[in-house]
Amino acid sequence: MKIILAQPRGFCAGVVRAIEIVERALDKYGPPVYVRHEIVHNKWVVDSLKARGAVFVEDLSEIPENGVTIFSAHGVAKDVESEAKQRGLHVLNATCPLVSKVHSQGRHYVRTGRTLILIGHAGHPEVEGTLGQVVGPVLLVQSEHDVEELELPRNTPVAYVTQTTLSIDDTRGIIDALYRRFDDVVGPGTQDICYATQNRQTALKELTKLVDVIFVVGAKNSSNSNRLREIGVDVGVPTYLIANGSDIQPEWIRNVETAGITAGASAPEIMVRDVIDTLGRYGPVEVSTLPGREENMFFRVPVELLDVESTSKIGQGR
């Protein structure tokens, strides 16, 4: 079997930064370090950090006074930040800078008097954080139909921001629907869908032209991984979202000559290697990598952690 790896795939700069913040905090302050919500949506990453002494919680009430507290890469609402401050928690913010940029844009649009529309998936941690970062009402839309159902006059000045991990194609359709529905619309186009999401989706589309089946390595609750799976399915290539090689079913690769593998932005390369090893148990494999965009983005950790030498193996995806 030929195996073609998408390029780029796997960890993005925001994920690397978030993991490194947890690791450096553990090195500097010692365990336990408390992380609100999964630092990124990947069980292997979370379990690896748990083994080092990270404690994952869903509510700040689970954190003792003065506990070292890390906000996940998805961002949090302002009331969460306020509660942490009132309780005297030692907070390190691992919110992806690209998510923070969306928060800033949303607040700017509201300050200018526009009705803000957020394109995203209800209940996703990033969406919950963005909704809670903007003072004033924010209308959430998930589809073009939602846009048509908005109970606003056509001449309402509106602005939109987007969740960073959406499908570019779906988001473009929703943005177009906003321009059809309203006379006065401003927003950032699809460029606020983060560079890593865009690059992985573009690479996936190229991969679909060359393979019989695609495996997307990622978590079931990872938005960007789910979008990758949907793109493959939409163009007619059998595409499966798997955590690792053990999820592969033999019938998925029956009569397959060429398999493609990609990975969501929170999936480590070690899981990709596990998938390759699993496929290799069915017979000889020949592995190649699709030419693609090289990513050199880097996000700095908080200043108070700069004095801790980075020895990350998780953040490098090993």
Protein backbone atom coordinates (compact mmCIF):
# COMPACT_ATOMS: atom_id res chain seq x y z
CA MET A 1 0.00 0.00 0.00
CA LYS A 2 1.14 3.50 -0.77
CA ILE A 3 0.67 6.01 2.03
CA ILE A 4 0.68 9.73 1.27
CA LEU A 5 1.00 12.17 4.17
CA ALA A 6 -0.56 15.63 3.90
CA GLN A 7 1.68 18.65 4.38
CA PRO A 8 1.12 20.50 6.62
CA ARG A 9 -0.59 18.36 9.25
CA GLY A 10 -0.73 18.11 13.02
CA PHE A 11 0.29 20.65 15.64
CA CYS A 12 -0.09 24.35 14.91
CA ALA A 13 1.75 27.20 16.66
CA GLY A 14 -1.17 27.90 19.02
CA VAL A 15 -1.27 24.29 20.18
CA VAL A 16 2.51 24.11 20.61
CA ARG A 17 2.38 27.29 22.71
CA ALA A 18 -0.48 26.04 24.89
CA ILE A 19 1.23 22.73 25.64
CA GLU A 20 4.52 24.45 26.31
CA ILE A 21 2.85 26.80 28.80
CA VAL A 22 1.61 23.81 30.81
CA GLU A 23 4.98 22.07 30.65
CA ARG A 24 6.98 25.17 31.65
CA ALA A 25 4.52 25.94 34.47
CA LEU A 26 5.01 22.42 35.82
CA ASP A 27 8.79 22.87 35.63
CA LYS A 28 8.69 26.28 37.33
CA TYR A 29 6.00 25.84 39.97
CA GLY A 30 5.83 22.06 40.34
CA PRO A 31 2.67 19.98 40.29
CA PRO A 32 -0.19 20.30 40.55
CA VAL A 33 -0.93 22.88 37.87
CA TYR A 34 -4.62 23.31 37.10
CA VAL A 35 -5.93 23.61 33.54
CA ARG A 36 -9.46 24.82 32.88
CA HIS A 37 -10.90 22.58 30.16
CA GLU A 38 -8.72 20.36 27.98
CA ILE A 39 -5.68 22.44 27.04
CA VAL A 40 -6.24 21.21 23.47
CA HIS A 41 -8.67 18.63 22.16
CA ASN A 42 -6.49 15.53 22.17
CA LYS A 43 -6.61 12.69 24.69
CA TRP A 44 -2.98 11.65 24.19
CA VAL A 45 -1.79 15.19 24.92
CA VAL A 46 -4.07 15.56 27.93
CA ASP A 47 -3.05 12.17 29.36
CA SER A 48 0.64 12.97 28.85
CA LEU A 49 0.26 16.23 30.79
CA LYS A 50 -1.78 14.50 33.51
CA ALA A 51 1.11 12.09 33.97
CA ARG A 52 3.37 15.07 34.67
CA GLY A 53 1.01 16.55 37.26
CA ALA A 54 -1.48 18.69 35.36
CA VAL A 55 -5.02 18.57 36.74
CA PHE A 56 -7.82 19.28 34.27
CA VAL A 57 -11.02 20.88 35.58
CA GLU A 58 -14.18 22.29 34.03
CA ASP A 59 -14.92 24.86 36.74
CA LEU A 60 -12.68 27.22 38.69
CA SER A 61 -14.39 26.09 41.91
CA GLU A 62 -12.38 22.87 41.60
CA ILE A 63 -9.11 24.81 41.96
CA PRO A 64 -7.75 25.57 45.45
CA GLU A 65 -6.87 29.11 46.53
CA ASN A 66 -3.65 30.42 44.96
CA GLY A 67 -3.56 27.49 42.56
CA VAL A 68 -1.57 27.93 39.36
CA THR A 69 -4.32 28.09 36.74
CA ILE A 70 -4.05 27.85 32.97
CA PHE A 71 -6.80 28.82 30.53
CA SER A 72 -6.95 26.55 27.51
CA ALA A 73 -6.08 27.48 23.92
CA HIS A 74 -9.78 27.95 23.15
CA GLY A 75 -10.13 31.08 25.34
CA VAL A 76 -12.53 31.91 28.16
CA ALA A 77 -15.27 34.42 28.89
CA LYS A 78 -14.60 37.62 30.84
CA ASP A 79 -16.60 36.35 33.82
CA VAL A 80 -14.19 33.41 34.10
CA GLU A 81 -11.26 35.82 34.10
CA SER A 82 -13.00 37.95 36.76
CA GLU A 83 -13.74 34.94 38.97
CA ALA A 84 -10.11 33.82 38.78
CA LYS A 85 -8.95 37.30 39.78
CA GLN A 86 -11.40 37.52 42.68
CA ARG A 87 -10.23 34.15 44.00
CA GLY A 88 -6.58 35.13 43.75
CA LEU A 89 -5.69 32.34 41.35
CA HIS A 90 -2.32 32.54 39.64
CA VAL A 91 -3.42 32.63 36.01
CA LEU A 92 -1.44 31.83 32.88
CA ASN A 93 -3.43 32.44 29.73
CA ALA A 94 -2.83 29.90 26.95
CA THR A 95 -5.53 31.32 24.67
CA CYS A 96 -4.33 31.11 21.07
CA PRO A 97 -3.32 34.61 19.91
CA LEU A 98 -5.47 34.16 16.80
CA VAL A 99 -8.50 33.53 19.01
CA SER A 100 -7.63 36.60 21.09
CA LYS A 101 -7.54 38.57 17.83
CA VAL A 102 -11.16 37.55 17.14
CA HIS A 103 -12.13 38.73 20.64
CA SER A 104 -10.53 42.13 19.98
CA GLN A 105 -12.22 42.49 16.62
CA GLY A 106 -15.62 41.62 18.10
CA ARG A 107 -15.26 44.22 20.84
CA HIS A 108 -14.20 46.81 18.27
CA TYR A 109 -17.24 46.22 16.10
CA VAL A 110 -19.59 46.50 19.08
CA ARG A 111 -17.93 49.75 20.17
CA THR A 112 -18.66 51.20 16.73
CA GLY A 113 -22.37 50.52 17.24
CA ARG A 114 -22.77 47.48 15.04
CA THR A 115 -24.78 44.35 15.84
CA LEU A 116 -22.22 41.55 16.11
CA ILE A 117 -22.79 38.17 14.48
CA LEU A 118 -20.56 35.23 15.41
CA ILE A 119 -20.20 32.43 12.88
CA GLY A 120 -19.47 29.25 14.82
CA HIS A 121 -20.68 26.05 16.44
CA ALA A 122 -22.90 26.36 19.51
CA GLY A 123 -21.34 24.91 22.64
CA HIS A 124 -17.76 24.84 21.35
CA PRO A 125 -15.35 26.21 24.00
CA GLU A 126 -13.96 28.81 21.60
CA VAL A 127 -17.45 30.06 20.79
CA GLU A 128 -18.41 30.18 24.47
CA GLY A 129 -15.27 32.19 25.18
CA THR A 130 -15.90 34.63 22.34
CA LEU A 131 -19.53 35.15 23.36
CA GLY A 132 -18.31 35.95 26.86
CA GLN A 133 -15.55 38.30 25.74
CA VAL A 134 -17.82 40.81 24.04
CA VAL A 135 -19.87 43.22 26.15
CA GLY A 136 -23.28 43.40 24.52
CA PRO A 137 -25.48 40.99 22.58
CA VAL A 138 -23.84 38.65 20.10
CA LEU A 139 -25.93 36.64 17.63
CA LEU A 140 -24.61 33.15 16.86
CA VAL A 141 -25.23 31.68 13.41
CA GLN A 142 -24.23 28.20 12.28
CA SER A 143 -25.66 28.08 8.76
CA GLU A 144 -27.01 30.16 5.89
CA HIS A 145 -30.49 29.27 7.12
CA ASP A 146 -29.68 30.85 10.51
CA VAL A 147 -28.77 34.06 8.70
CA GLU A 148 -32.15 34.16 6.95
CA GLU A 149 -33.91 33.63 10.31
CA LEU A 150 -32.25 36.60 12.05
CA GLU A 151 -34.94 38.97 13.29
CA LEU A 152 -33.19 42.18 12.30
CA PRO A 153 -34.20 44.88 9.83
CA ARG A 154 -32.37 44.74 6.51
CA ASN A 155 -30.73 48.14 7.13
CA THR A 156 -29.23 47.11 10.49
CA PRO A 157 -25.46 47.83 10.57
CA VAL A 158 -23.94 44.42 11.29
CA ALA A 159 -20.46 42.99 11.68
CA TYR A 160 -19.29 39.41 11.89
CA VAL A 161 -16.42 37.41 13.32
CA THR A 162 -15.78 33.70 12.96
CA GLN A 163 -14.69 30.74 15.01
CA THR A 164 -11.12 30.03 13.90
CA THR A 165 -11.51 26.31 13.14
CA LEU A 166 -14.39 26.26 10.65
CA SER A 167 -14.57 25.00 7.08
CA ILE A 168 -13.49 27.79 4.77
CA ASP A 169 -16.08 26.81 2.17
CA ASP A 170 -18.97 26.70 4.65
CA THR A 171 -17.95 29.99 6.22
CA ARG A 172 -17.68 31.69 2.85
CA GLY A 173 -21.28 30.65 2.15
CA ILE A 174 -22.50 32.10 5.45
CA ILE A 175 -20.62 35.37 4.84
CA ASP A 176 -22.18 35.61 1.39
CA ALA A 177 -25.60 35.06 3.00
CA LEU A 178 -24.96 37.95 5.38
CA TYR A 179 -24.20 40.26 2.47
CA ARG A 180 -27.39 39.16 0.75
CA ARG A 181 -29.45 39.63 3.91
CA PHE A 182 -28.14 43.02 5.07
CA ASP A 183 -27.28 46.31 3.37
CA ASP A 184 -24.45 47.33 5.74
CA VAL A 185 -22.01 44.53 6.58
CA VAL A 186 -18.37 44.59 7.69
CA GLY A 187 -16.10 41.73 8.64
CA PRO A 188 -12.76 40.06 8.01
CA GLY A 189 -13.64 37.62 5.23
CA THR A 190 -12.32 34.09 5.74
CA GLN A 191 -8.87 35.21 6.86
CA ASP A 192 -9.84 34.87 10.52
CA ILE A 193 -10.12 31.16 9.99
CA CYS A 194 -6.62 30.53 11.27
CA TYR A 195 -3.69 29.96 8.94
CA ALA A 196 -3.25 26.40 10.25
CA THR A 197 -6.88 25.48 9.61
CA GLN A 198 -6.72 26.92 6.10
CA ASN A 199 -3.43 25.19 5.30
CA ARG A 200 -4.65 21.79 6.51
CA GLN A 201 -7.89 22.09 4.58
CA THR A 202 -6.04 23.06 1.40
CA ALA A 203 -3.63 20.12 1.82
CA LEU A 204 -6.55 17.75 2.43
CA LYS A 205 -8.21 18.84 -0.82
CA GLU A 206 -5.00 18.05 -2.71
CA LEU A 207 -4.78 14.68 -0.96
CA THR A 208 -8.30 13.69 -2.07
CA LYS A 209 -7.14 13.73 -5.71
CA LEU A 210 -4.54 11.02 -5.10
CA VAL A 211 -5.90 8.45 -2.64
CA ASP A 212 -8.60 5.80 -2.17
CA VAL A 213 -9.19 6.45 1.52
CA ILE A 214 -8.20 9.14 4.02
CA PHE A 215 -7.51 8.90 7.73
CA VAL A 216 -7.78 12.12 9.73
CA VAL A 217 -5.93 11.78 13.03
CA GLY A 218 -7.70 13.82 15.68
CA ALA A 219 -10.22 13.85 18.50
CA LYS A 220 -13.97 13.48 18.06
CA ASN A 221 -14.46 16.86 19.82
CA SER A 222 -11.86 18.65 17.69
CA SER A 223 -13.62 21.12 15.42
CA ASN A 224 -10.81 21.47 12.88
CA SER A 225 -10.37 17.67 12.68
CA ASN A 226 -14.08 17.19 12.03
CA ARG A 227 -13.97 19.79 9.27
CA LEU A 228 -11.12 17.86 7.60
CA ARG A 229 -13.18 14.67 7.67
CA GLU A 230 -16.19 16.48 6.20
CA ILE A 231 -14.12 17.90 3.33
CA GLY A 232 -12.96 14.42 2.34
CA VAL A 233 -16.47 12.99 2.55
CA ASP A 234 -17.91 15.89 0.55
CA VAL A 235 -15.66 15.15 -2.43
CA GLY A 236 -16.52 11.45 -2.33
CA VAL A 237 -13.41 9.93 -0.74
CA PRO A 238 -14.07 7.58 2.22
CA THR A 239 -12.66 9.59 5.12
CA TYR A 240 -12.43 8.47 8.75
CA LEU A 241 -11.65 10.48 11.89
CA ILE A 242 -9.50 8.33 14.16
CA ALA A 243 -7.60 8.89 17.40
CA ASN A 244 -4.85 6.41 16.49
CA GLY A 245 -4.19 3.26 14.53
CA SER A 246 -6.28 1.05 16.80
CA ASP A 247 -9.44 2.70 15.43
CA ILE A 248 -8.83 1.42 11.90
CA GLN A 249 -11.28 -1.26 10.74
CA PRO A 250 -9.94 -3.88 8.27
CA GLU A 251 -12.87 -3.33 5.87
CA TRP A 252 -11.83 0.32 5.48
CA ILE A 253 -8.63 -0.66 3.67
CA ARG A 254 -9.82 -3.68 1.74
CA ASN A 255 -8.69 -3.30 -1.91
CA VAL A 256 -7.10 0.09 -1.08
CA GLU A 257 -3.96 0.81 -3.08
CA THR A 258 -3.24 4.34 -1.79
CA ALA A 259 -4.18 5.74 1.63
CA GLY A 260 -3.88 9.37 2.71
CA ILE A 261 -3.18 10.54 6.23
CA THR A 262 -3.55 13.98 7.74
CA ALA A 263 -3.89 15.24 11.31
CA GLY A 264 -5.84 17.98 13.02
CA ALA A 265 -4.06 20.93 14.58
CA SER A 266 -4.12 19.37 18.06
CA ALA A 267 -2.94 15.89 17.03
CA PRO A 268 0.70 14.94 17.67
CA GLU A 269 2.89 13.35 15.01
CA ILE A 270 3.37 10.27 17.21
CA MET A 271 -0.26 9.37 16.50
CA VAL A 272 0.33 9.69 12.75
CA ARG A 273 3.26 7.29 13.10
CA ASP A 274 0.99 4.91 15.02
CA VAL A 275 -1.45 4.90 12.09
CA ILE A 276 1.39 4.17 9.65
CA ASP A 277 2.59 1.30 11.86
CA THR A 278 -0.93 -0.12 12.03
CA LEU A 279 -1.32 -0.04 8.24
CA GLY A 280 2.08 -1.70 7.96
CA ARG A 281 0.78 -4.72 9.85
CA TYR A 282 -1.53 -5.48 6.94
CA GLY A 283 1.35 -5.61 4.45
CA PRO A 284 4.27 -3.63 3.07
CA VAL A 285 3.80 0.14 2.89
CA GLU A 286 5.54 2.88 0.95
CA VAL A 287 5.32 6.31 2.65
CA SER A 288 5.67 9.67 0.93
CA THR A 289 4.74 13.24 1.82
CA LEU A 290 2.70 15.53 -0.37
CA PRO A 291 4.46 18.82 -1.17
CA GLY A 292 2.78 21.62 0.75
CA ARG A 293 3.15 24.87 2.61
CA GLU A 294 5.87 25.05 5.24
CA GLU A 295 4.65 26.63 8.49
CA ASN A 296 7.08 28.81 10.45
CA MET A 297 4.63 30.58 12.76
CA PHE A 298 5.77 30.96 16.38
CA PHE A 299 3.87 32.33 19.39
CA ARG A 300 5.80 33.32 22.50
CA VAL A 301 4.86 31.98 25.93
CA PRO A 302 3.98 34.42 28.77
CA VAL A 303 6.89 36.52 30.03
CA GLU A 304 6.98 34.85 33.45
CA LEU A 305 7.77 31.50 31.80
CA LEU A 306 10.57 32.74 29.53
CA ASP A 307 13.16 31.96 32.19
CA VAL A 308 12.21 28.26 32.08
CA GLU A 309 14.11 26.30 29.47
CA SER A 310 11.81 24.48 27.09
CA THR A 311 12.37 20.72 27.09
CA SER A 312 9.04 19.92 25.46
CA LYS A 313 8.60 16.59 23.74
CA ILE A 314 4.80 16.74 23.65
CA GLY A 315 4.76 20.19 22.06
CA GLN A 316 7.11 18.97 19.34
CA GLY A 317 4.69 16.15 18.61
CA ARG A 318 7.20 13.37 19.38
